[in-house]
Structures are given as C-alpha cells and as structure tokens.
Amino acid sequence: MATFGITLISPSGVVTESVDVENKADFKQLVGSDGTHYGAITYDYTQPFSAKGKGNNPYEVGVASNPPEIMSGKIFISSAKKTTKNDDWEGWEISGVGYPHVT
C-alpha cells in the first residue's frame, strides 16, 4: 500500500491530502497428482483505493473522469463522501476499485 503526499489537483481549490492504493491479484497454481508444482498464473488484477482531501469534492460515484494520477486503466468510484465540521475546511473522501488492464 502506498500513500502519497499533499497535492493540489486543480485551480478550483481542491487539495488531496492522501491517496492509498493497494495492488491485488488472484492466482491459480498447477499442481500434479504427486504434489509437484508445475506453474502458477495471476489474474484479476485490481487496485482498491481510497483518497481524502479538503475543498469541494471533485468526484462522483461511477467511472472516474479525473482519477488520482498514480492510477491507470478504468477506475470506478463506489463511495464519495462530503464532510463538514465547525472548526475545519469542508472535506471529502472517496473509495473504489481500479482495473489497470482495462481501457
């Protein structure tokens, strides 16, 4: 899992405080009847992620039109939350899954 520092996304005053991305894949092994390992393959690569920041939330649920720069492929945002507090700037949080091999 990687965390990346504060980045100004756009001139609209939106600041990203953190982005966490995990790289995952499933795998299948080929094992003979005698227990010998003959090989393995990985498939279903995914990148579950979450991000949070301050300012107006620039993200909506669905296919991301402006995903975090460190991700590629198709990115789906499954949750977009807005937060407000009396003593802090308006904030936002998003989470979802990226599919790096999908165009």
N, C-alpha and C. Protein backbone atom coordinates (compact mmCIF):
# COMPACT_ATOMS: atom_id res chain seq x y z
N MET A 1 0.85 -1.16 0.00
CA MET A 1 0.00 0.00 0.00
C MET A 1 0.90 1.23 0.00
N ALA A 2 0.55 2.23 -0.81
CA ALA A 2 1.35 3.43 -0.92
C ALA A 2 0.51 4.63 -0.52
N THR A 3 1.15 5.58 0.15
CA THR A 3 0.50 6.83 0.49
C THR A 3 1.29 7.95 -0.14
N PHE A 4 0.61 8.88 -0.77
CA PHE A 4 1.28 9.97 -1.46
C PHE A 4 0.87 11.28 -0.82
N GLY A 5 1.80 12.25 -0.79
CA GLY A 5 1.62 13.48 -0.05
C GLY A 5 0.58 14.43 -0.60
N ILE A 6 0.54 15.61 -0.04
CA ILE A 6 -0.45 16.62 -0.39
C ILE A 6 -0.18 17.12 -1.81
N THR A 7 -1.23 17.16 -2.61
CA THR A 7 -1.12 17.60 -4.00
C THR A 7 -2.30 18.49 -4.33
N LEU A 8 -2.04 19.59 -4.99
CA LEU A 8 -3.12 20.43 -5.48
C LEU A 8 -3.60 19.84 -6.79
N ILE A 9 -4.86 19.41 -6.85
CA ILE A 9 -5.41 18.75 -8.03
C ILE A 9 -5.74 19.76 -9.11
N SER A 10 -6.40 20.84 -8.77
CA SER A 10 -6.87 21.77 -9.79
C SER A 10 -6.91 23.17 -9.20
N PRO A 11 -7.07 24.17 -10.06
CA PRO A 11 -7.14 25.54 -9.55
C PRO A 11 -8.44 25.85 -8.81
N SER A 12 -9.34 24.88 -8.71
CA SER A 12 -10.61 25.12 -8.03
C SER A 12 -10.48 25.10 -6.51
N GLY A 13 -9.27 24.97 -5.99
CA GLY A 13 -9.09 24.99 -4.55
C GLY A 13 -9.25 23.64 -3.89
N VAL A 14 -9.15 22.55 -4.64
CA VAL A 14 -9.27 21.21 -4.10
C VAL A 14 -7.87 20.69 -3.77
N VAL A 15 -7.69 20.24 -2.53
CA VAL A 15 -6.40 19.70 -2.10
C VAL A 15 -6.59 18.24 -1.72
N THR A 16 -5.75 17.37 -2.29
CA THR A 16 -5.76 15.97 -1.92
C THR A 16 -4.75 15.77 -0.80
N GLU A 17 -5.20 15.25 0.34
CA GLU A 17 -4.32 15.04 1.48
C GLU A 17 -3.64 13.68 1.44
N SER A 18 -4.37 12.65 1.00
CA SER A 18 -3.76 11.33 0.94
C SER A 18 -4.48 10.45 -0.08
N VAL A 19 -3.72 9.54 -0.67
CA VAL A 19 -4.25 8.52 -1.58
C VAL A 19 -3.60 7.21 -1.19
N ASP A 20 -4.41 6.19 -0.91
CA ASP A 20 -3.91 4.86 -0.59
C ASP A 20 -4.34 3.92 -1.70
N VAL A 21 -3.37 3.23 -2.31
CA VAL A 21 -3.67 2.29 -3.40
C VAL A 21 -3.02 0.96 -3.06
N GLU A 22 -3.79 -0.11 -3.19
CA GLU A 22 -3.30 -1.46 -2.95
C GLU A 22 -3.34 -2.20 -4.28
N ASN A 23 -2.29 -2.94 -4.62
CA ASN A 23 -2.25 -3.75 -5.83
C ASN A 23 -2.55 -5.20 -5.45
N LYS A 24 -3.59 -5.77 -6.08
CA LYS A 24 -4.01 -7.13 -5.75
C LYS A 24 -4.18 -7.95 -7.02
N ALA A 25 -4.03 -9.26 -6.88
CA ALA A 25 -4.30 -10.18 -7.99
C ALA A 25 -4.63 -11.54 -7.39
N ASP A 26 -5.46 -12.29 -8.09
CA ASP A 26 -5.73 -13.67 -7.72
C ASP A 26 -4.73 -14.54 -8.49
N PHE A 27 -4.51 -15.75 -8.00
CA PHE A 27 -3.60 -16.63 -8.71
C PHE A 27 -4.12 -18.06 -8.69
N LYS A 28 -3.68 -18.80 -9.65
CA LYS A 28 -4.06 -20.21 -9.78
C LYS A 28 -2.79 -21.01 -9.97
N GLN A 29 -2.65 -22.09 -9.17
CA GLN A 29 -1.49 -22.96 -9.26
C GLN A 29 -1.84 -24.23 -10.01
N LEU A 30 -0.84 -24.76 -10.70
CA LEU A 30 -0.99 -26.05 -11.36
C LEU A 30 -0.10 -27.03 -10.59
N VAL A 31 -0.75 -27.96 -9.87
CA VAL A 31 -0.04 -28.93 -9.04
C VAL A 31 -0.40 -30.32 -9.53
N GLY A 32 0.63 -31.14 -9.74
CA GLY A 32 0.42 -32.51 -10.20
C GLY A 32 -0.10 -33.42 -9.10
N SER A 33 -0.51 -34.64 -9.48
CA SER A 33 -1.05 -35.59 -8.51
C SER A 33 0.00 -36.02 -7.48
N ASP A 34 1.28 -35.85 -7.83
CA ASP A 34 2.35 -36.19 -6.89
C ASP A 34 2.76 -35.00 -6.03
N GLY A 35 2.07 -33.88 -6.17
CA GLY A 35 2.36 -32.69 -5.37
C GLY A 35 3.39 -31.77 -6.00
N THR A 36 3.86 -32.10 -7.19
CA THR A 36 4.85 -31.27 -7.87
C THR A 36 4.19 -30.00 -8.39
N HIS A 37 4.85 -28.88 -8.16
CA HIS A 37 4.35 -27.60 -8.62
C HIS A 37 4.81 -27.39 -10.06
N TYR A 38 3.86 -27.23 -10.99
CA TYR A 38 4.20 -27.07 -12.40
C TYR A 38 4.12 -25.63 -12.88
N GLY A 39 3.48 -24.77 -12.14
CA GLY A 39 3.39 -23.38 -12.55
C GLY A 39 2.27 -22.66 -11.83
N ALA A 40 2.21 -21.36 -12.08
CA ALA A 40 1.17 -20.52 -11.50
C ALA A 40 0.94 -19.33 -12.41
N ILE A 41 -0.29 -18.83 -12.42
CA ILE A 41 -0.61 -17.62 -13.17
C ILE A 41 -1.39 -16.68 -12.26
N THR A 42 -1.27 -15.40 -12.55
CA THR A 42 -2.06 -14.41 -11.83
C THR A 42 -3.10 -13.84 -12.78
N TYR A 43 -4.23 -13.45 -12.20
CA TYR A 43 -5.33 -12.89 -13.00
C TYR A 43 -6.15 -11.97 -12.11
N ASP A 44 -7.08 -11.29 -12.71
CA ASP A 44 -7.96 -10.35 -12.00
C ASP A 44 -7.16 -9.33 -11.19
N TYR A 45 -6.30 -8.59 -11.89
CA TYR A 45 -5.55 -7.52 -11.23
C TYR A 45 -6.52 -6.40 -10.87
N THR A 46 -6.45 -5.93 -9.62
CA THR A 46 -7.28 -4.81 -9.17
C THR A 46 -6.45 -3.88 -8.31
N GLN A 47 -6.93 -2.66 -8.18
CA GLN A 47 -6.29 -1.67 -7.31
C GLN A 47 -7.36 -1.01 -6.44
N PRO A 48 -7.71 -1.63 -5.31
CA PRO A 48 -8.61 -0.94 -4.38
C PRO A 48 -7.91 0.34 -3.88
N PHE A 49 -8.66 1.42 -3.75
CA PHE A 49 -8.05 2.68 -3.34
C PHE A 49 -8.99 3.49 -2.47
N SER A 50 -8.41 4.45 -1.78
CA SER A 50 -9.18 5.46 -1.06
C SER A 50 -8.37 6.75 -1.12
N ALA A 51 -9.07 7.86 -1.05
CA ALA A 51 -8.42 9.17 -1.07
C ALA A 51 -9.25 10.13 -0.24
N LYS A 52 -8.58 11.15 0.30
CA LYS A 52 -9.32 12.17 1.03
C LYS A 52 -8.61 13.50 0.88
N GLY A 53 -9.39 14.55 1.06
CA GLY A 53 -8.82 15.88 0.91
C GLY A 53 -9.74 16.95 1.43
N LYS A 54 -9.43 18.18 1.07
CA LYS A 54 -10.18 19.35 1.52
C LYS A 54 -10.68 20.13 0.29
N GLY A 55 -11.75 20.87 0.47
CA GLY A 55 -12.35 21.64 -0.61
C GLY A 55 -13.61 20.96 -1.10
N ASN A 56 -14.18 21.47 -2.18
CA ASN A 56 -15.37 20.85 -2.77
C ASN A 56 -14.99 19.52 -3.38
N ASN A 57 -15.78 18.50 -3.14
CA ASN A 57 -15.49 17.16 -3.66
C ASN A 57 -15.58 17.16 -5.19
N PRO A 58 -14.44 16.90 -5.88
CA PRO A 58 -14.47 16.92 -7.34
C PRO A 58 -14.91 15.59 -7.94
N TYR A 59 -15.26 14.61 -7.11
CA TYR A 59 -15.54 13.26 -7.58
C TYR A 59 -17.02 12.90 -7.40
N GLU A 60 -17.50 12.04 -8.29
CA GLU A 60 -18.85 11.48 -8.19
C GLU A 60 -18.76 9.97 -8.29
N VAL A 61 -19.76 9.27 -7.77
CA VAL A 61 -19.81 7.81 -7.86
C VAL A 61 -19.97 7.43 -9.32
N GLY A 62 -19.24 6.41 -9.73
CA GLY A 62 -19.28 5.93 -11.11
C GLY A 62 -17.88 5.84 -11.68
N VAL A 63 -17.77 5.86 -13.00
CA VAL A 63 -16.47 5.81 -13.65
C VAL A 63 -15.79 7.16 -13.43
N ALA A 64 -14.54 7.13 -12.94
CA ALA A 64 -13.82 8.36 -12.62
C ALA A 64 -13.37 9.07 -13.89
N SER A 65 -13.73 10.34 -14.02
CA SER A 65 -13.28 11.12 -15.17
C SER A 65 -11.97 11.84 -14.87
N ASN A 66 -11.65 12.00 -13.60
CA ASN A 66 -10.39 12.64 -13.19
C ASN A 66 -9.78 11.84 -12.04
N PRO A 67 -9.32 10.59 -12.31
CA PRO A 67 -8.82 9.73 -11.24
C PRO A 67 -7.49 10.23 -10.68
N PRO A 68 -7.08 9.72 -9.52
CA PRO A 68 -5.75 10.05 -9.00
C PRO A 68 -4.69 9.71 -10.04
N GLU A 69 -3.70 10.58 -10.19
CA GLU A 69 -2.68 10.46 -11.23
C GLU A 69 -1.89 9.16 -11.18
N ILE A 70 -1.79 8.54 -10.03
CA ILE A 70 -0.96 7.33 -9.90
C ILE A 70 -1.66 6.08 -10.39
N MET A 71 -2.91 6.21 -10.85
CA MET A 71 -3.67 5.04 -11.30
C MET A 71 -3.89 5.11 -12.80
N SER A 72 -4.04 3.93 -13.43
CA SER A 72 -4.31 3.87 -14.86
C SER A 72 -5.41 2.85 -15.11
N GLY A 73 -5.89 2.77 -16.34
CA GLY A 73 -6.97 1.85 -16.67
C GLY A 73 -8.32 2.46 -16.31
N LYS A 74 -9.32 1.62 -16.06
CA LYS A 74 -10.66 2.07 -15.67
C LYS A 74 -10.72 2.15 -14.16
N ILE A 75 -11.19 3.26 -13.65
CA ILE A 75 -11.31 3.47 -12.21
C ILE A 75 -12.78 3.72 -11.90
N PHE A 76 -13.31 2.93 -10.97
CA PHE A 76 -14.70 3.05 -10.55
C PHE A 76 -14.75 3.55 -9.11
N ILE A 77 -15.44 4.65 -8.89
CA ILE A 77 -15.62 5.19 -7.55
C ILE A 77 -16.93 4.64 -7.01
N SER A 78 -16.85 3.90 -5.90
CA SER A 78 -18.04 3.28 -5.33
C SER A 78 -18.62 4.08 -4.16
N SER A 79 -17.82 4.99 -3.59
CA SER A 79 -18.28 5.79 -2.47
C SER A 79 -17.66 7.19 -2.55
N ALA A 80 -18.47 8.21 -2.42
CA ALA A 80 -18.00 9.60 -2.39
C ALA A 80 -18.70 10.30 -1.23
N LYS A 81 -17.92 10.76 -0.27
CA LYS A 81 -18.49 11.35 0.94
C LYS A 81 -18.01 12.79 1.11
N LYS A 82 -18.90 13.64 1.57
CA LYS A 82 -18.59 15.02 1.89
C LYS A 82 -18.62 15.18 3.40
N THR A 83 -17.65 15.87 3.98
CA THR A 83 -17.62 16.08 5.42
C THR A 83 -17.56 17.57 5.73
N THR A 84 -18.25 17.97 6.76
CA THR A 84 -18.19 19.35 7.23
C THR A 84 -18.04 19.35 8.75
N LYS A 85 -17.24 20.29 9.23
CA LYS A 85 -17.04 20.47 10.67
C LYS A 85 -17.04 21.97 10.95
N ASN A 86 -17.39 22.32 12.17
CA ASN A 86 -17.42 23.74 12.55
C ASN A 86 -16.04 24.38 12.55
N ASP A 87 -15.02 23.60 12.86
CA ASP A 87 -13.68 24.16 13.04
C ASP A 87 -12.68 23.73 11.97
N ASP A 88 -13.16 23.33 10.79
CA ASP A 88 -12.24 22.86 9.75
C ASP A 88 -12.83 23.15 8.38
N TRP A 89 -12.01 23.04 7.36
CA TRP A 89 -12.47 23.20 5.98
C TRP A 89 -13.39 22.06 5.61
N GLU A 90 -14.23 22.30 4.60
CA GLU A 90 -15.06 21.22 4.06
C GLU A 90 -14.11 20.14 3.52
N GLY A 91 -14.49 18.89 3.75
CA GLY A 91 -13.63 17.79 3.32
C GLY A 91 -14.37 16.79 2.45
N TRP A 92 -13.62 15.86 1.88
CA TRP A 92 -14.20 14.81 1.03
C TRP A 92 -13.39 13.53 1.17
N GLU A 93 -14.05 12.42 0.91
CA GLU A 93 -13.42 11.10 0.90
C GLU A 93 -14.03 10.29 -0.23
N ILE A 94 -13.19 9.52 -0.93
CA ILE A 94 -13.69 8.62 -1.95
C ILE A 94 -13.04 7.25 -1.79
N SER A 95 -13.67 6.22 -2.31
CA SER A 95 -13.06 4.90 -2.37
C SER A 95 -13.64 4.16 -3.56
N GLY A 96 -12.90 3.18 -4.02
CA GLY A 96 -13.36 2.41 -5.17
C GLY A 96 -12.31 1.39 -5.58
N VAL A 97 -12.40 0.97 -6.84
CA VAL A 97 -11.50 -0.05 -7.38
C VAL A 97 -11.05 0.38 -8.76
N GLY A 98 -9.76 0.19 -9.02
CA GLY A 98 -9.21 0.43 -10.34
C GLY A 98 -8.87 -0.89 -11.00
N TYR A 99 -9.06 -0.94 -12.30
CA TYR A 99 -8.73 -2.12 -13.09
C TYR A 99 -7.65 -1.69 -14.09
N PRO A 100 -6.36 -1.88 -13.75
CA PRO A 100 -5.27 -1.32 -14.56
C PRO A 100 -5.17 -1.86 -15.97
N HIS A 101 -5.70 -3.04 -16.27
CA HIS A 101 -5.57 -3.62 -17.60
C HIS A 101 -6.81 -3.39 -18.47
N VAL A 102 -7.74 -2.59 -17.98
CA VAL A 102 -8.97 -2.30 -18.76
C VAL A 102 -8.81 -0.90 -19.37
N THR A 103 -9.19 -0.76 -20.61
CA THR A 103 -9.09 0.55 -21.27
C THR A 103 -10.47 1.12 -21.52
